[in-house]
Amino acid sequence: MRLAPLCIATLALAACTTTPAPSSPADGISRAALNQRVYVDGPYVTPLEVLEDSRCPMNARCVWAGRTRLSVRIDLGSRSEVREIASDAPIQIADGTLSLVEVQPERMAGAQPEVPQPYRFGFAFAGGF
């Protein structure tokens, strides 16, 4: 069989390829739940704890939009650190800026859902040039 050497060579070459870097989402926002590690176009970010959620409910009028503050673990290569990030204050990470750009679910005034929905957070990283 002539195909056997070709198959073996193809498998050998496939084993030598490197693992590609994680891909970024099309909209540039990487989303994660609490304790879920996500790649954010450079660093890996893990939301650990909600420290504050004072967002204005979407069906209310507020003088202040409010904010969300999180404790997050940031992994950059062999270095890891726990930092605080807020939806109104991006933080400097290495050679760029990490922002908390999205918090779900939206808050609603009035009746609360019978089963609370888990948080999802959207992060964006600008920099690394």
Protein backbone atom coordinates (compact mmCIF):
# COMPACT_ATOMS: atom_id res chain seq x y z
CA MET A 1 0.00 0.00 0.00
CA ARG A 2 1.43 3.31 -1.12
CA LEU A 3 -0.93 5.41 1.00
CA ALA A 4 0.45 4.24 4.34
CA PRO A 5 3.75 6.22 4.12
CA LEU A 6 1.81 9.32 3.01
CA CYS A 7 -0.60 9.03 5.95
CA ILE A 8 2.25 8.57 8.42
CA ALA A 9 4.05 11.64 7.05
CA THR A 10 0.87 13.72 7.24
CA LEU A 11 0.26 12.68 10.85
CA ALA A 12 3.86 13.46 11.77
CA LEU A 13 3.59 16.96 10.28
CA ALA A 14 0.27 17.58 12.02
CA ALA A 15 1.83 16.67 15.38
CA CYS A 16 4.54 19.32 14.84
CA THR A 17 2.14 22.25 14.48
CA THR A 18 1.88 24.78 17.27
CA THR A 19 -1.27 25.52 19.20
CA PRO A 20 -2.87 28.71 17.86
CA ALA A 21 -3.49 31.67 20.15
CA PRO A 22 -7.04 31.94 21.46
CA SER A 23 -9.23 33.88 19.07
CA SER A 24 -10.98 37.10 19.98
CA PRO A 25 -14.72 37.49 19.44
CA ALA A 26 -15.84 39.45 16.38
CA ASP A 27 -17.23 42.33 18.46
CA GLY A 28 -14.03 42.64 20.54
CA ILE A 29 -15.84 41.83 23.79
CA SER A 30 -14.89 38.69 25.71
CA ARG A 31 -17.68 37.46 28.00
CA ALA A 32 -17.43 35.38 31.16
CA ALA A 33 -19.47 34.33 34.17
CA LEU A 34 -18.20 34.43 37.74
CA ASN A 35 -15.18 32.14 38.17
CA GLN A 36 -14.93 31.56 34.41
CA ARG A 37 -11.55 32.35 32.82
CA VAL A 38 -11.69 34.19 29.50
CA TYR A 39 -9.06 35.37 27.00
CA VAL A 40 -9.32 39.16 26.50
CA ASP A 41 -7.08 39.89 23.52
CA GLY A 42 -3.88 39.60 25.59
CA PRO A 43 -4.53 38.85 29.25
CA TYR A 44 -6.75 36.14 30.68
CA VAL A 45 -9.38 37.49 33.08
CA THR A 46 -11.44 35.62 35.70
CA PRO A 47 -14.26 37.52 37.45
CA LEU A 48 -14.08 36.42 41.10
CA GLU A 49 -16.65 38.47 43.02
CA VAL A 50 -19.19 41.26 42.54
CA LEU A 51 -18.20 44.03 44.97
CA GLU A 52 -20.88 46.52 43.93
CA ASP A 53 -23.80 46.62 41.52
CA SER A 54 -25.42 50.04 41.74
CA ARG A 55 -26.54 50.22 38.09
CA CYS A 56 -29.69 52.17 37.39
CA PRO A 57 -32.54 49.79 36.43
CA MET A 58 -33.24 49.97 32.71
CA ASN A 59 -36.92 50.83 33.28
CA ALA A 60 -36.23 53.72 35.70
CA ARG A 61 -34.96 57.29 35.55
CA CYS A 62 -31.86 57.88 37.59
CA VAL A 63 -29.67 60.90 38.33
CA TRP A 64 -26.59 58.65 38.23
CA ALA A 65 -26.12 55.66 35.91
CA GLY A 66 -24.45 53.67 38.69
CA ARG A 67 -21.63 51.21 38.24
CA THR A 68 -20.46 47.67 38.79
CA ARG A 69 -17.24 46.82 40.62
CA LEU A 70 -15.60 43.41 40.44
CA SER A 71 -12.69 41.58 41.92
CA VAL A 72 -10.86 39.88 39.02
CA ARG A 73 -7.81 37.69 38.59
CA ILE A 74 -5.63 38.75 35.66
CA ASP A 75 -3.16 36.29 34.17
CA LEU A 76 -0.34 37.61 31.99
CA GLY A 77 2.07 34.85 31.04
CA SER A 78 3.61 33.49 34.24
CA ARG A 79 2.32 36.40 36.35
CA SER A 80 -1.09 36.51 38.04
CA GLU A 81 -2.65 39.26 40.15
CA VAL A 82 -6.01 40.04 41.75
CA ARG A 83 -7.29 43.54 41.00
CA GLU A 84 -10.49 45.56 41.26
CA ILE A 85 -12.15 46.86 38.11
CA ALA A 86 -15.21 49.08 37.75
CA SER A 87 -17.50 49.68 34.79
CA ASP A 88 -16.66 53.40 34.97
CA ALA A 89 -12.89 53.07 35.42
CA PRO A 90 -10.67 50.99 33.11
CA ILE A 91 -7.41 49.73 34.63
CA GLN A 92 -3.87 49.75 33.25
CA ILE A 93 -2.54 46.25 32.56
CA ALA A 94 1.00 45.81 31.20
CA ASP A 95 1.03 47.82 27.95
CA GLY A 96 -2.73 48.33 27.60
CA THR A 97 -6.06 49.08 29.24
CA LEU A 98 -8.63 46.55 30.46
CA SER A 99 -12.26 47.70 30.57
CA LEU A 100 -15.44 46.20 32.00
CA VAL A 101 -17.78 47.14 29.14
CA GLU A 102 -20.85 44.98 29.71
CA VAL A 103 -22.80 43.54 32.65
CA GLN A 104 -25.75 41.20 32.22
CA PRO A 105 -28.51 40.73 33.12
CA GLU A 106 -29.89 44.26 33.03
CA ARG A 107 -31.37 45.44 36.31
CA MET A 108 -35.14 45.99 36.40
CA ALA A 109 -37.15 48.08 38.84
CA GLY A 110 -40.21 46.47 40.41
CA ALA A 111 -40.87 42.74 40.33
CA GLN A 112 -37.79 40.55 40.50
CA PRO A 113 -37.61 37.28 38.53
CA GLU A 114 -38.43 34.12 40.48
CA VAL A 115 -35.09 32.64 39.51
CA PRO A 116 -32.28 35.22 39.47
CA GLN A 117 -30.17 35.08 36.31
CA PRO A 118 -26.40 34.58 36.74
CA TYR A 119 -24.09 37.47 35.99
CA ARG A 120 -22.20 37.68 32.68
CA PHE A 121 -19.45 40.24 32.20
CA GLY A 122 -17.97 41.65 29.00
CA PHE A 123 -14.32 42.75 28.93
CA ALA A 124 -12.25 44.55 26.30
CA PHE A 125 -8.51 45.11 26.13
CA ALA A 126 -6.91 47.96 24.20
CA GLY A 127 -3.18 48.04 23.77
CA GLY A 128 -0.34 45.69 23.23
CA PHE A 129 1.01 47.65 20.28
